[in-house]
Amino acid sequence: MNETVAQVRDLLHEAGETHHVVYRIVDGVDDDWASWYSAWLVDHSELPEILGASPVRSQLTWLLVQLDKDYNSQSPEQHWEAWYAERLVAHFATS
């Protein structure tokens, strides 16, 4: 795993922890979680600096939803944060 992927993985972990705190009253349940994650990642984290550009939130939201669908259908053994990070970095490297 390269350093950029590791940094994005760590941000996804932080976003997950923060999301769970914000939504603690409902034990982290949030049907619109991807919108919350993308807003937090773009506006309150180092993701834009790590990627070298600020992703469009709607694109990031869509990508997170697609990654969630793919992850759940493929059931990889890799933890979701690392799996998503690899694909996010690859996606935005080619964008």
Protein backbone atom coordinates (compact mmCIF):
# COMPACT_ATOMS: atom_id res chain seq x y z
CA MET A 1 0.00 0.00 0.00
CA ASN A 2 1.50 3.32 -1.00
CA GLU A 3 1.57 6.37 1.25
CA THR A 4 -1.30 8.18 -0.49
CA VAL A 5 -3.59 5.17 -0.17
CA ALA A 6 -2.60 4.82 3.51
CA GLN A 7 -3.40 8.49 4.13
CA VAL A 8 -6.82 8.19 2.47
CA ARG A 9 -7.48 4.97 4.40
CA ASP A 10 -6.71 6.81 7.63
CA LEU A 11 -9.03 9.67 6.66
CA LEU A 12 -11.82 7.19 5.93
CA HIS A 13 -11.28 5.67 9.35
CA GLU A 14 -11.39 9.12 10.97
CA ALA A 15 -14.54 9.98 9.01
CA GLY A 16 -16.15 6.77 10.20
CA GLU A 17 -15.27 7.46 13.82
CA THR A 18 -16.50 11.06 13.55
CA HIS A 19 -19.70 10.00 11.81
CA HIS A 20 -20.44 7.52 14.56
CA VAL A 21 -19.96 10.24 17.20
CA VAL A 22 -22.21 12.68 15.33
CA TYR A 23 -24.86 9.98 14.88
CA ARG A 24 -24.36 8.42 18.30
CA ILE A 25 -27.98 8.88 19.31
CA VAL A 26 -28.98 6.43 16.55
CA ASP A 27 -25.85 4.23 16.90
CA GLY A 28 -24.36 5.49 13.64
CA VAL A 29 -27.42 4.81 11.49
CA ASP A 30 -27.62 7.27 8.58
CA ASP A 31 -29.22 6.35 5.27
CA ASP A 32 -27.48 9.35 3.67
CA TRP A 33 -24.06 8.49 5.07
CA ALA A 34 -22.26 9.01 1.75
CA SER A 35 -23.33 12.65 1.58
CA TRP A 36 -22.09 13.21 5.11
CA TYR A 37 -18.76 11.44 4.39
CA SER A 38 -18.15 13.38 1.18
CA ALA A 39 -18.90 16.73 2.82
CA TRP A 40 -16.62 15.92 5.75
CA LEU A 41 -13.83 14.59 3.53
CA VAL A 42 -13.90 17.60 1.20
CA ASP A 43 -14.55 20.36 3.75
CA HIS A 44 -12.99 19.11 7.00
CA SER A 45 -10.09 16.83 6.13
CA GLU A 46 -6.81 16.82 4.24
CA LEU A 47 -8.28 14.80 1.34
CA PRO A 48 -8.02 17.66 -1.20
CA GLU A 49 -4.35 18.19 -0.32
CA ILE A 50 -3.59 14.47 -0.42
CA LEU A 51 -5.24 14.05 -3.82
CA GLY A 52 -3.79 17.31 -5.15
CA ALA A 53 -7.26 18.64 -6.00
CA SER A 54 -10.59 19.07 -4.31
CA PRO A 55 -13.07 16.43 -5.49
CA VAL A 56 -16.55 17.57 -6.43
CA ARG A 57 -18.71 16.48 -3.51
CA SER A 58 -21.47 15.01 -5.65
CA GLN A 59 -18.95 12.90 -7.56
CA LEU A 60 -17.36 11.72 -4.32
CA THR A 61 -20.79 10.91 -2.89
CA TRP A 62 -21.67 8.87 -5.97
CA LEU A 63 -18.33 7.08 -5.84
CA LEU A 64 -18.73 6.21 -2.15
CA VAL A 65 -22.18 4.76 -2.81
CA GLN A 66 -20.82 2.72 -5.74
CA LEU A 67 -17.87 1.50 -3.68
CA ASP A 68 -20.25 0.42 -0.93
CA LYS A 69 -22.33 -1.57 -3.42
CA ASP A 70 -19.24 -3.16 -4.97
CA TYR A 71 -17.67 -3.96 -1.61
CA ASN A 72 -20.84 -5.61 -0.35
CA SER A 73 -21.38 -7.60 -3.52
CA GLN A 74 -17.74 -8.74 -3.80
CA SER A 75 -17.17 -9.32 -0.08
CA PRO A 76 -13.39 -8.86 -0.22
CA GLU A 77 -11.34 -9.92 2.78
CA GLN A 78 -9.65 -6.51 2.85
CA HIS A 79 -11.06 -4.02 5.37
CA TRP A 80 -13.44 -1.52 3.75
CA GLU A 81 -11.28 1.51 4.52
CA ALA A 82 -8.25 0.16 2.66
CA TRP A 83 -10.37 -1.23 -0.19
CA TYR A 84 -12.18 2.09 -0.70
CA ALA A 85 -8.94 4.08 -0.37
CA GLU A 86 -7.22 2.13 -3.17
CA ARG A 87 -10.12 2.78 -5.51
CA LEU A 88 -10.60 6.42 -4.53
CA VAL A 89 -6.94 7.20 -5.14
CA ALA A 90 -6.98 5.36 -8.48
CA HIS A 91 -10.18 7.12 -9.54
CA PHE A 92 -9.00 10.62 -8.75
CA ALA A 93 -5.53 9.97 -10.18
CA THR A 94 -7.14 9.44 -13.57
CA SER A 95 -9.72 12.24 -13.28
